[in-house]
């Protein structure tokens, strides 16, 4: 007979709620990797176009985090980081990048024939 600590009703075998990172740094590291991957993918484009695409990729990554949190049924809790917080951090990064998009440079690229995604 093994003695073990009784688990809470909505937890996995490690005592964590499902879908919740074990460590807050793990969630922040995941957001950092997503931002780094999006930056790497857009680094091959011309400057103003790269910023526009980076803004779009980060926005879609934030929507992905929101979908993950919604599907897993996570609730926002102020004491722990979860997918909702990751979505908010990624969306904030997308908005911050969007502040540096230059509309006049995009018009110049469009006039030169460079395809701008809509």
C-alpha atoms as a PDB file:
ATOM      1  CA  UNK A   1       0.000   0.000   0.000  1.00  0.00           C
ATOM      2  CA  UNK A   2       1.503   3.281  -1.062  1.00  0.00           C
ATOM      3  CA  UNK A   3       0.862   6.505   0.723  1.00  0.00           C
ATOM      4  CA  UNK A   4       0.429   9.431  -1.552  1.00  0.00           C
ATOM      5  CA  UNK A   5      -0.805  12.941  -1.206  1.00  0.00           C
ATOM      6  CA  UNK A   6      -4.472  13.238  -2.199  1.00  0.00           C
ATOM      7  CA  UNK A   7      -4.940  15.107  -5.434  1.00  0.00           C
ATOM      8  CA  UNK A   8      -7.249  17.981  -6.004  1.00  0.00           C
ATOM      9  CA  UNK A   9     -10.212  17.124  -8.229  1.00  0.00           C
ATOM     10  CA  UNK A  10      -9.059  19.089 -11.305  1.00  0.00           C
ATOM     11  CA  UNK A  11      -5.340  18.269 -11.441  1.00  0.00           C
ATOM     12  CA  UNK A  12      -2.986  15.916 -13.248  1.00  0.00           C
ATOM     13  CA  UNK A  13      -0.619  13.471 -11.582  1.00  0.00           C
ATOM     14  CA  UNK A  14       1.876  16.225 -10.753  1.00  0.00           C
ATOM     15  CA  UNK A  15      -0.733  18.310  -8.927  1.00  0.00           C
ATOM     16  CA  UNK A  16      -0.926  20.919 -11.689  1.00  0.00           C
ATOM     17  CA  UNK A  17      -4.080  22.032 -13.414  1.00  0.00           C
ATOM     18  CA  UNK A  18      -4.225  20.772 -16.996  1.00  0.00           C
ATOM     19  CA  UNK A  19      -2.820  23.142 -19.587  1.00  0.00           C
ATOM     20  CA  UNK A  20      -0.953  25.237 -17.035  1.00  0.00           C
ATOM     21  CA  UNK A  21       2.850  25.512 -17.235  1.00  0.00           C
ATOM     22  CA  UNK A  22       4.671  24.251 -14.163  1.00  0.00           C
ATOM     23  CA  UNK A  23       6.872  27.337 -14.011  1.00  0.00           C
ATOM     24  CA  UNK A  24       6.083  30.962 -14.966  1.00  0.00           C
ATOM     25  CA  UNK A  25       9.463  31.209 -16.684  1.00  0.00           C
ATOM     26  CA  UNK A  26       8.392  28.354 -18.957  1.00  0.00           C
ATOM     27  CA  UNK A  27       5.470  30.447 -20.216  1.00  0.00           C
ATOM     28  CA  UNK A  28       7.674  33.507 -20.729  1.00  0.00           C
ATOM     29  CA  UNK A  29      10.256  31.400 -22.536  1.00  0.00           C
ATOM     30  CA  UNK A  30       7.538  30.104 -24.855  1.00  0.00           C
ATOM     31  CA  UNK A  31       6.464  33.652 -25.724  1.00  0.00           C
ATOM     32  CA  UNK A  32      10.100  34.573 -26.323  1.00  0.00           C
ATOM     33  CA  UNK A  33      10.555  31.647 -28.686  1.00  0.00           C
ATOM     34  CA  UNK A  34       7.416  32.611 -30.629  1.00  0.00           C
ATOM     35  CA  UNK A  35       8.587  36.220 -30.966  1.00  0.00           C
ATOM     36  CA  UNK A  36      12.060  35.045 -32.022  1.00  0.00           C
ATOM     37  CA  UNK A  37      10.639  32.634 -34.612  1.00  0.00           C
ATOM     38  CA  UNK A  38       8.372  35.330 -36.078  1.00  0.00           C
ATOM     39  CA  UNK A  39      11.288  37.776 -36.197  1.00  0.00           C
ATOM     40  CA  UNK A  40      13.462  35.182 -37.950  1.00  0.00           C
ATOM     41  CA  UNK A  41      10.766  34.451 -40.546  1.00  0.00           C
ATOM     42  CA  UNK A  42      10.302  38.135 -41.358  1.00  0.00           C
ATOM     43  CA  UNK A  43      14.020  38.967 -41.440  1.00  0.00           C
ATOM     44  CA  UNK A  44      14.232  37.952 -45.106  1.00  0.00           C
ATOM     45  CA  UNK A  45      11.810  40.687 -46.234  1.00  0.00           C
ATOM     46  CA  UNK A  46      12.494  44.392 -46.954  1.00  0.00           C
ATOM     47  CA  UNK A  47      12.468  46.627 -43.841  1.00  0.00           C
ATOM     48  CA  UNK A  48       8.997  48.216 -43.815  1.00  0.00           C
ATOM     49  CA  UNK A  49       7.400  45.062 -45.172  1.00  0.00           C
ATOM     50  CA  UNK A  50       9.155  42.984 -42.502  1.00  0.00           C
ATOM     51  CA  UNK A  51       7.626  45.090 -39.741  1.00  0.00           C
ATOM     52  CA  UNK A  52       4.170  44.744 -41.266  1.00  0.00           C
ATOM     53  CA  UNK A  53       4.517  40.974 -41.563  1.00  0.00           C
ATOM     54  CA  UNK A  54       5.969  40.691 -38.056  1.00  0.00           C
ATOM     55  CA  UNK A  55       2.951  42.544 -36.710  1.00  0.00           C
ATOM     56  CA  UNK A  56       0.639  40.153 -38.551  1.00  0.00           C
ATOM     57  CA  UNK A  57       2.483  37.005 -37.472  1.00  0.00           C
ATOM     58  CA  UNK A  58       2.488  38.066 -33.829  1.00  0.00           C
ATOM     59  CA  UNK A  59      -1.227  38.849 -34.041  1.00  0.00           C
ATOM     60  CA  UNK A  60      -1.944  35.366 -35.417  1.00  0.00           C
ATOM     61  CA  UNK A  61       0.274  33.825 -32.733  1.00  0.00           C
ATOM     62  CA  UNK A  62      -1.777  35.673 -30.094  1.00  0.00           C
ATOM     63  CA  UNK A  63      -4.956  34.280 -31.648  1.00  0.00           C
ATOM     64  CA  UNK A  64      -3.391  30.826 -31.500  1.00  0.00           C
ATOM     65  CA  UNK A  65      -2.657  31.216 -27.801  1.00  0.00           C
ATOM     66  CA  UNK A  66      -6.250  32.388 -27.252  1.00  0.00           C
ATOM     67  CA  UNK A  67      -7.622  29.373 -29.120  1.00  0.00           C
ATOM     68  CA  UNK A  68      -5.395  27.057 -27.068  1.00  0.00           C
ATOM     69  CA  UNK A  69      -6.621  28.586 -23.814  1.00  0.00           C
ATOM     70  CA  UNK A  70     -10.239  28.432 -24.940  1.00  0.00           C
ATOM     71  CA  UNK A  71     -10.018  24.799 -26.056  1.00  0.00           C
ATOM     72  CA  UNK A  72      -8.300  23.745 -22.825  1.00  0.00           C
ATOM     73  CA  UNK A  73     -10.860  25.639 -20.774  1.00  0.00           C
ATOM     74  CA  UNK A  74      -8.284  27.671 -18.895  1.00  0.00           C
ATOM     75  CA  UNK A  75      -9.436  30.496 -16.682  1.00  0.00           C
ATOM     76  CA  UNK A  76      -7.480  33.676 -16.157  1.00  0.00           C
ATOM     77  CA  UNK A  77      -5.884  33.659 -12.744  1.00  0.00           C
ATOM     78  CA  UNK A  78      -3.802  36.564 -11.444  1.00  0.00           C
ATOM     79  CA  UNK A  79      -1.487  34.344  -9.409  1.00  0.00           C
ATOM     80  CA  UNK A  80      -0.246  32.120 -12.278  1.00  0.00           C
ATOM     81  CA  UNK A  81       0.751  32.550 -15.904  1.00  0.00           C
ATOM     82  CA  UNK A  82      -1.265  30.581 -18.432  1.00  0.00           C
ATOM     83  CA  UNK A  83      -2.143  30.717 -22.136  1.00  0.00           C
ATOM     84  CA  UNK A  84      -4.291  33.823 -21.697  1.00  0.00           C
ATOM     85  CA  UNK A  85      -1.273  35.689 -20.352  1.00  0.00           C
ATOM     86  CA  UNK A  86       0.869  34.392 -23.209  1.00  0.00           C
ATOM     87  CA  UNK A  87      -1.753  35.664 -25.662  1.00  0.00           C
ATOM     88  CA  UNK A  88      -1.762  39.090 -24.002  1.00  0.00           C
ATOM     89  CA  UNK A  89       2.033  39.331 -24.099  1.00  0.00           C
ATOM     90  CA  UNK A  90       2.137  38.345 -27.769  1.00  0.00           C
ATOM     91  CA  UNK A  91      -0.644  40.790 -28.629  1.00  0.00           C
ATOM     92  CA  UNK A  92       1.207  43.566 -26.788  1.00  0.00           C
ATOM     93  CA  UNK A  93       4.336  42.761 -28.819  1.00  0.00           C
ATOM     94  CA  UNK A  94       2.252  42.902 -32.015  1.00  0.00           C
ATOM     95  CA  UNK A  95       0.846  46.310 -31.087  1.00  0.00           C
ATOM     96  CA  UNK A  96       4.334  47.569 -30.168  1.00  0.00           C
ATOM     97  CA  UNK A  97       5.726  46.466 -33.542  1.00  0.00           C
ATOM     98  CA  UNK A  98       2.741  48.066 -35.277  1.00  0.00           C
ATOM     99  CA  UNK A  99       3.770  51.443 -33.873  1.00  0.00           C
ATOM    100  CA  UNK A 100       6.920  51.319 -36.015  1.00  0.00           C
ATOM    101  CA  UNK A 101       5.204  50.532 -39.350  1.00  0.00           C
ATOM    102  CA  UNK A 102       5.732  53.474 -41.690  1.00  0.00           C
ATOM    103  CA  UNK A 103       2.731  53.992 -44.020  1.00  0.00           C
ATOM    104  CA  UNK A 104       4.685  56.211 -46.448  1.00  0.00           C
ATOM    105  CA  UNK A 105       7.377  53.542 -46.882  1.00  0.00           C
ATOM    106  CA  UNK A 106       4.669  50.973 -47.582  1.00  0.00           C
ATOM    107  CA  UNK A 107       3.204  53.252 -50.257  1.00  0.00           C
ATOM    108  CA  UNK A 108       6.657  53.560 -51.833  1.00  0.00           C
ATOM    109  CA  UNK A 109       7.080  49.767 -51.860  1.00  0.00           C
ATOM    110  CA  UNK A 110       3.627  49.373 -53.405  1.00  0.00           C
ATOM    111  CA  UNK A 111       4.451  51.939 -56.097  1.00  0.00           C
ATOM    112  CA  UNK A 112       7.678  50.040 -56.907  1.00  0.00           C
ATOM    113  CA  UNK A 113       5.727  46.849 -57.492  1.00  0.00           C
ATOM    114  CA  UNK A 114       6.567  44.974 -54.311  1.00  0.00           C
ATOM    115  CA  UNK A 115       3.526  42.950 -53.268  1.00  0.00           C
ATOM    116  CA  UNK A 116       2.109  44.106 -49.934  1.00  0.00           C
ATOM    117  CA  UNK A 117      -0.167  41.594 -48.183  1.00  0.00           C
ATOM    118  CA  UNK A 118      -3.626  42.836 -47.411  1.00  0.00           C
END
